[in-house]
């Protein structure tokens, strides 16, 4: 699973239901939900 920073929990957590998406500028990102509180999370990946 992917991990990212949850703004609500203010800590690094694993993403639930994470999937890879492509942003408007062409870069890849992971989009999912926080495993603890359910807040939407977003992590920009490398090229």
PDB file of N, CA and C in Angstrom:
ATOM      1  N   UNK A   1       0.836  -1.194   0.000  1.00  0.00           N
ATOM      2  CA  UNK A   1       0.000   0.000   0.000  1.00  0.00           C
ATOM      3  C   UNK A   1       0.875   1.250   0.000  1.00  0.00           C
ATOM      4  N   UNK A   2       0.319   2.325  -0.496  1.00  0.00           N
ATOM      5  CA  UNK A   2       1.031   3.600  -0.538  1.00  0.00           C
ATOM      6  C   UNK A   2       0.858   4.336   0.783  1.00  0.00           C
ATOM      7  N   UNK A   3       1.819   5.158   1.119  1.00  0.00           N
ATOM      8  CA  UNK A   3       1.688   5.971   2.326  1.00  0.00           C
ATOM      9  C   UNK A   3       1.788   7.433   1.940  1.00  0.00           C
ATOM     10  N   UNK A   4       1.245   8.270   2.798  1.00  0.00           N
ATOM     11  CA  UNK A   4       1.244   9.707   2.555  1.00  0.00           C
ATOM     12  C   UNK A   4       0.998  10.451   3.855  1.00  0.00           C
ATOM     13  N   UNK A   5       0.972  11.769   3.791  1.00  0.00           N
ATOM     14  CA  UNK A   5       0.775  12.596   4.968  1.00  0.00           C
ATOM     15  C   UNK A   5      -0.694  12.975   5.094  1.00  0.00           C
ATOM     16  N   UNK A   6      -1.283  12.660   6.232  1.00  0.00           N
ATOM     17  CA  UNK A   6      -2.675  13.038   6.503  1.00  0.00           C
ATOM     18  C   UNK A   6      -2.684  14.394   7.206  1.00  0.00           C
ATOM     19  N   UNK A   7      -3.356  15.354   6.620  1.00  0.00           N
ATOM     20  CA  UNK A   7      -3.396  16.708   7.175  1.00  0.00           C
ATOM     21  C   UNK A   7      -4.236  16.748   8.451  1.00  0.00           C
ATOM     22  N   UNK A   8      -5.279  15.939   8.505  1.00  0.00           N
ATOM     23  CA  UNK A   8      -6.162  15.925   9.667  1.00  0.00           C
ATOM     24  C   UNK A   8      -5.490  15.273  10.877  1.00  0.00           C
ATOM     25  N   UNK A   9      -4.835  14.119  10.664  1.00  0.00           N
ATOM     26  CA  UNK A   9      -4.143  13.407  11.748  1.00  0.00           C
ATOM     27  C   UNK A   9      -2.772  14.024  12.054  1.00  0.00           C
ATOM     28  N   UNK A  10      -2.235  14.803  11.106  1.00  0.00           N
ATOM     29  CA  UNK A  10      -0.914  15.429  11.215  1.00  0.00           C
ATOM     30  C   UNK A  10       0.198  14.396  11.410  1.00  0.00           C
ATOM     31  N   UNK A  11       0.098  13.291  10.659  1.00  0.00           N
ATOM     32  CA  UNK A  11       1.112  12.250  10.695  1.00  0.00           C
ATOM     33  C   UNK A  11       1.106  11.461   9.391  1.00  0.00           C
ATOM     34  N   UNK A  12       2.133  10.657   9.189  1.00  0.00           N
ATOM     35  CA  UNK A  12       2.240   9.841   7.990  1.00  0.00           C
ATOM     36  C   UNK A  12       1.450   8.554   8.205  1.00  0.00           C
ATOM     37  N   UNK A  13       0.563   8.228   7.262  1.00  0.00           N
ATOM     38  CA  UNK A  13      -0.288   7.039   7.375  1.00  0.00           C
ATOM     39  C   UNK A  13      -0.378   6.328   6.034  1.00  0.00           C
ATOM     40  N   UNK A  14      -0.858   5.089   6.074  1.00  0.00           N
ATOM     41  CA  UNK A  14      -1.096   4.332   4.846  1.00  0.00           C
ATOM     42  C   UNK A  14      -2.403   4.786   4.213  1.00  0.00           C
ATOM     43  N   UNK A  15      -2.426   4.764   2.872  1.00  0.00           N
ATOM     44  CA  UNK A  15      -3.632   5.132   2.130  1.00  0.00           C
ATOM     45  C   UNK A  15      -4.483   3.900   1.889  1.00  0.00           C
ATOM     46  N   UNK A  16      -5.783   4.065   2.085  1.00  0.00           N
ATOM     47  CA  UNK A  16      -6.745   3.007   1.797  1.00  0.00           C
ATOM     48  C   UNK A  16      -7.361   3.307   0.434  1.00  0.00           C
ATOM     49  N   UNK A  17      -7.608   2.297  -0.358  1.00  0.00           N
ATOM     50  CA  UNK A  17      -8.186   2.452  -1.702  1.00  0.00           C
ATOM     51  C   UNK A  17      -7.336   3.368  -2.583  1.00  0.00           C
ATOM     52  N   UNK A  18      -6.015   3.237  -2.492  1.00  0.00           N
ATOM     53  CA  UNK A  18      -5.107   4.092  -3.253  1.00  0.00           C
ATOM     54  C   UNK A  18      -5.091   3.684  -4.721  1.00  0.00           C
ATOM     55  N   UNK A  19      -5.108   4.690  -5.588  1.00  0.00           N
ATOM     56  CA  UNK A  19      -4.988   4.424  -7.017  1.00  0.00           C
ATOM     57  C   UNK A  19      -4.145   5.520  -7.656  1.00  0.00           C
ATOM     58  N   UNK A  20      -3.462   5.158  -8.743  1.00  0.00           N
ATOM     59  CA  UNK A  20      -2.594   6.094  -9.430  1.00  0.00           C
ATOM     60  C   UNK A  20      -3.410   6.926 -10.412  1.00  0.00           C
ATOM     61  N   UNK A  21      -3.215   8.240 -10.355  1.00  0.00           N
ATOM     62  CA  UNK A  21      -3.908   9.161 -11.257  1.00  0.00           C
ATOM     63  C   UNK A  21      -2.870  10.034 -11.956  1.00  0.00           C
ATOM     64  N   UNK A  22      -3.279  10.685 -13.033  1.00  0.00           N
ATOM     65  CA  UNK A  22      -2.407  11.582 -13.776  1.00  0.00           C
ATOM     66  C   UNK A  22      -2.939  13.002 -13.633  1.00  0.00           C
ATOM     67  N   UNK A  23      -2.074  13.917 -13.213  1.00  0.00           N
ATOM     68  CA  UNK A  23      -2.478  15.306 -13.036  1.00  0.00           C
ATOM     69  C   UNK A  23      -2.500  16.035 -14.375  1.00  0.00           C
ATOM     70  N   UNK A  24      -3.036  17.247 -14.402  1.00  0.00           N
ATOM     71  CA  UNK A  24      -3.130  18.039 -15.629  1.00  0.00           C
ATOM     72  C   UNK A  24      -1.772  18.294 -16.269  1.00  0.00           C
ATOM     73  N   UNK A  25      -0.736  18.464 -15.444  1.00  0.00           N
ATOM     74  CA  UNK A  25       0.593  18.759 -15.985  1.00  0.00           C
ATOM     75  C   UNK A  25       1.338  17.502 -16.433  1.00  0.00           C
ATOM     76  N   UNK A  26       0.695  16.324 -16.344  1.00  0.00           N
ATOM     77  CA  UNK A  26       1.286  15.088 -16.836  1.00  0.00           C
ATOM     78  C   UNK A  26       2.002  14.257 -15.794  1.00  0.00           C
ATOM     79  N   UNK A  27       2.183  14.768 -14.596  1.00  0.00           N
ATOM     80  CA  UNK A  27       2.860  14.006 -13.541  1.00  0.00           C
ATOM     81  C   UNK A  27       1.912  13.010 -12.901  1.00  0.00           C
ATOM     82  N   UNK A  28       2.478  11.956 -12.319  1.00  0.00           N
ATOM     83  CA  UNK A  28       1.687  10.922 -11.671  1.00  0.00           C
ATOM     84  C   UNK A  28       1.496  11.239 -10.197  1.00  0.00           C
ATOM     85  N   UNK A  29       0.390  10.764  -9.628  1.00  0.00           N
ATOM     86  CA  UNK A  29       0.116  10.962  -8.211  1.00  0.00           C
ATOM     87  C   UNK A  29      -0.698   9.777  -7.698  1.00  0.00           C
ATOM     88  N   UNK A  30      -0.676   9.576  -6.394  1.00  0.00           N
ATOM     89  CA  UNK A  30      -1.488   8.548  -5.745  1.00  0.00           C
ATOM     90  C   UNK A  30      -2.612   9.257  -4.995  1.00  0.00           C
ATOM     91  N   UNK A  31      -3.816   8.754  -5.151  1.00  0.00           N
ATOM     92  CA  UNK A  31      -4.977   9.344  -4.512  1.00  0.00           C
ATOM     93  C   UNK A  31      -5.668   8.255  -3.698  1.00  0.00           C
ATOM     94  N   UNK A  32      -5.990   8.557  -2.437  1.00  0.00           N
ATOM     95  CA  UNK A  32      -6.645   7.577  -1.585  1.00  0.00           C
ATOM     96  C   UNK A  32      -7.237   8.228  -0.349  1.00  0.00           C
ATOM     97  N   UNK A  33      -7.538   7.389   0.648  1.00  0.00           N
ATOM     98  CA  UNK A  33      -8.112   7.876   1.902  1.00  0.00           C
ATOM     99  C   UNK A  33      -7.252   7.429   3.068  1.00  0.00           C
ATOM    100  N   UNK A  34      -7.270   8.207   4.132  1.00  0.00           N
ATOM    101  CA  UNK A  34      -6.526   7.877   5.343  1.00  0.00           C
ATOM    102  C   UNK A  34      -7.118   6.616   5.965  1.00  0.00           C
ATOM    103  N   UNK A  35      -6.253   5.689   6.381  1.00  0.00           N
ATOM    104  CA  UNK A  35      -6.727   4.426   6.944  1.00  0.00           C
ATOM    105  C   UNK A  35      -7.367   4.606   8.316  1.00  0.00           C
ATOM    106  N   UNK A  36      -7.083   5.709   9.004  1.00  0.00           N
ATOM    107  CA  UNK A  36      -7.640   5.922  10.344  1.00  0.00           C
ATOM    108  C   UNK A  36      -8.881   6.821  10.348  1.00  0.00           C
ATOM    109  N   UNK A  37      -8.775   8.016   9.712  1.00  0.00           N
ATOM    110  CA  UNK A  37      -9.885   8.977   9.809  1.00  0.00           C
ATOM    111  C   UNK A  37     -10.720   9.078   8.535  1.00  0.00           C
ATOM    112  N   UNK A  38     -10.218   8.569   7.395  1.00  0.00           N
ATOM    113  CA  UNK A  38     -10.995   8.586   6.156  1.00  0.00           C
ATOM    114  C   UNK A  38     -10.888   9.856   5.342  1.00  0.00           C
ATOM    115  N   UNK A  39     -10.019  10.775   5.740  1.00  0.00           N
ATOM    116  CA  UNK A  39      -9.819  12.018   4.987  1.00  0.00           C
ATOM    117  C   UNK A  39      -9.121  11.728   3.671  1.00  0.00           C
ATOM    118  N   UNK A  40      -9.454  12.459   2.622  1.00  0.00           N
ATOM    119  CA  UNK A  40      -8.819  12.292   1.329  1.00  0.00           C
ATOM    120  C   UNK A  40      -7.343  12.651   1.390  1.00  0.00           C
ATOM    121  N   UNK A  41      -6.494  11.798   0.788  1.00  0.00           N
ATOM    122  CA  UNK A  41      -5.047  12.021   0.770  1.00  0.00           C
ATOM    123  C   UNK A  41      -4.564  12.036  -0.664  1.00  0.00           C
ATOM    124  N   UNK A  42      -3.459  12.730  -0.903  1.00  0.00           N
ATOM    125  CA  UNK A  42      -2.917  12.886  -2.241  1.00  0.00           C
ATOM    126  C   UNK A  42      -1.395  12.919  -2.110  1.00  0.00           C
ATOM    127  N   UNK A  43      -0.700  12.127  -2.918  1.00  0.00           N
ATOM    128  CA  UNK A  43       0.756  12.134  -2.887  1.00  0.00           C
ATOM    129  C   UNK A  43       1.294  12.213  -4.308  1.00  0.00           C
ATOM    130  N   UNK A  44       2.133  13.212  -4.577  1.00  0.00           N
ATOM    131  CA  UNK A  44       2.734  13.373  -5.888  1.00  0.00           C
ATOM    132  C   UNK A  44       3.934  12.442  -5.996  1.00  0.00           C
ATOM    133  N   UNK A  45       3.983  11.682  -7.095  1.00  0.00           N
ATOM    134  CA  UNK A  45       5.054  10.720  -7.317  1.00  0.00           C
ATOM    135  C   UNK A  45       6.133  11.315  -8.218  1.00  0.00           C
ATOM    136  N   UNK A  46       7.280  10.642  -8.275  1.00  0.00           N
ATOM    137  CA  UNK A  46       8.378  11.081  -9.136  1.00  0.00           C
ATOM    138  C   UNK A  46       8.051  10.844 -10.590  1.00  0.00           C
ATOM    139  N   UNK A  47       8.901  11.324 -11.459  1.00  0.00           N
ATOM    140  CA  UNK A  47       8.652  11.210 -12.902  1.00  0.00           C
ATOM    141  C   UNK A  47       8.831   9.822 -13.427  1.00  0.00           C
TER     142      UNK A  47
END
